[in-house]
Amino acid sequence: MNQDTMSLDDYFRNWKFSLLKTPPGFDVMHIRRTVLEEKYSAHGNYGAARFLLQNGNLEDASKFINHALEIDPNSVHAWCNKGVYYLKLSPPQENEARLARDKMEKLLLEVEAKNTAAIEYAYWQYNIIRTAEAKEEALKLFKRLLFNESTEPVIKHHYLYMNVLTSQAKRSVWKGNAKMTRKFQRSVLKKLFKEALIILQTNSPDQEVAVWHSLALVLLDKTACKLISHGFHEEKFSQDVHRISDIDRMFCVDKIINILEQNPTLIGSRGQVCATIAKVYLKQAQETDNYIERYELLEKALEYGEKYLEAGDASPCFGSQVSSDILMQMWAMKYCEAEPGKAWSAYREVFGNQGKPRLLHFLSHEFYSVEVDNDPHRRALLEKAELHLENYKKEKKCKFLSKFVTVKLLLGHPTEEVEAVFPRLDELETNEERAAMLANYGRFCEINNRFQKALQKYQQVLSYKTEANSCCWYFRMAGQGIRRIR
């Protein structure tokens, strides 16, 4: 680059709210893929920034930039990304880049364009960069900009803030997160419901789906349901004349289904929405004791879980994860009914007689040795689960390895084919992923009577143990495995 080009590039990358400005030491290759189907320019901007930061395909970057500008010609980030795109061409098109810079500078004099740029930057910091400092900066920006709104609410700003609060709420209440006080958890939920009400007042079907989808995700956790049962100002959420304390995950799902039925052409993130509906039905099934009702709920869950296939969702992880969970629950129910002795034998092999028996959960989630299942109806469930897990593994190499390996063992795949499921250590990005993979690998070796190799894998797991992560499941799994072998 010559000096003029470098000066232009520096301008685009270092202005106050640039998406191309990252913290020192931040690995841009960890930025997740963006699905190009959202209705706001922000998502086109995030996709373009990802390609530009990762030196990816410039044609793909251009596609995202054009998508953003088509939705909002006054998007500051789109013009910023366009400027960098021009400088990355060979040869660089400096005149075009200068025009993009001039357009940016003009837009930054307009209050709404500048605020939108700041809000999109805040969302990027919270959901994409995700360091503690980035999240703190993002929440402060949202609070300052939305509190100072002098006119009617700008819905796209509140939409992005609602998504951030959904992530924050899920993390703060997840399994009753002990690190968060009830006061803090309730305050996050109150902010979320406040944003939900603002968006619901648009009376827009796609916005309504977005709201009920966010609330359904959060209310999957029982802690969240308990927190909203009291301490909320009911009159502030009077849309459709229902009380906050009456809202639960099934309420949200019923709302979504009703809206989708009345608006069949509504697309948006339909794959992700249907996966959430499936997750809710799965949760209902797991909490239902009646066998027939439980299986019917699972069938309903699978109907929605597999809709991500119809939607052609470019990021199918959630749909494939939920669908495999549902299918394994269905298989476990059928297996327990037909082979109770074998089911309990597998359970006791791992847990003995300790703890409260949760046989269905064990069979559908844990890693155990069991004979090949030759029943054709049950095998059909396992084969579908395997397909979904293969789909999931394309994006998440180390997730649900125990379930994946168990499915392959139940289907009778050769040992070398099953072993090929485990990724190499150098393919994994974090020590947590390496420890999880090795724990599962050790268990696989153990049930194949390769005890020396199993011990080696389990001891490798323990080498990643620190005071901060000592409570993680893979260390417990490794310790139990070592004791069993010895």
Foldseek 3Di string as FASTA:
>chain_A
DDPLLVVLLCVLQDDDLHLNDADPPQDLVQFDAQFLFALALLSLLSNLSSCLNVVHDLVSSVVSLVSSCVNPVLALSSLSSVLSSQVPDVPRDNVSSVVSVVSNVVSCVPPVNVLVSLLSSLLCLCPGNNDPVSPVVSVVSLCVSQVPDPDQDDLVSLLSVLVSLLVVLCVCCPVHPPVHDLVVSLVSVQSNLLSLQSQVVVVDLVSLLSSLLSQLSNQLHVSNLVSQLDDHDQVSNCVVHDGSNVDHNVNSLVSNVVSCVVPVVDQHPQLSSLLSSLVSLQSVLLPDPDLVSSLVSLVVSLVSLPCNVVSVGPQNQSSLVSNLLSLLLNLQSVCCVVPVPQLVVFVCVQVNPDDDDDSSCCRQQAATDGAADPDVVSLVSLVSSLVSVVVNCVPPLQPSLRNNLRSCRNNPDDPVVSLVSQDDPVVDDDLVSQLSSLLSVLSSCVNVVVNVSSLVSLVVSCVSDDPVCPVDPSVVSSVSSVVVSD
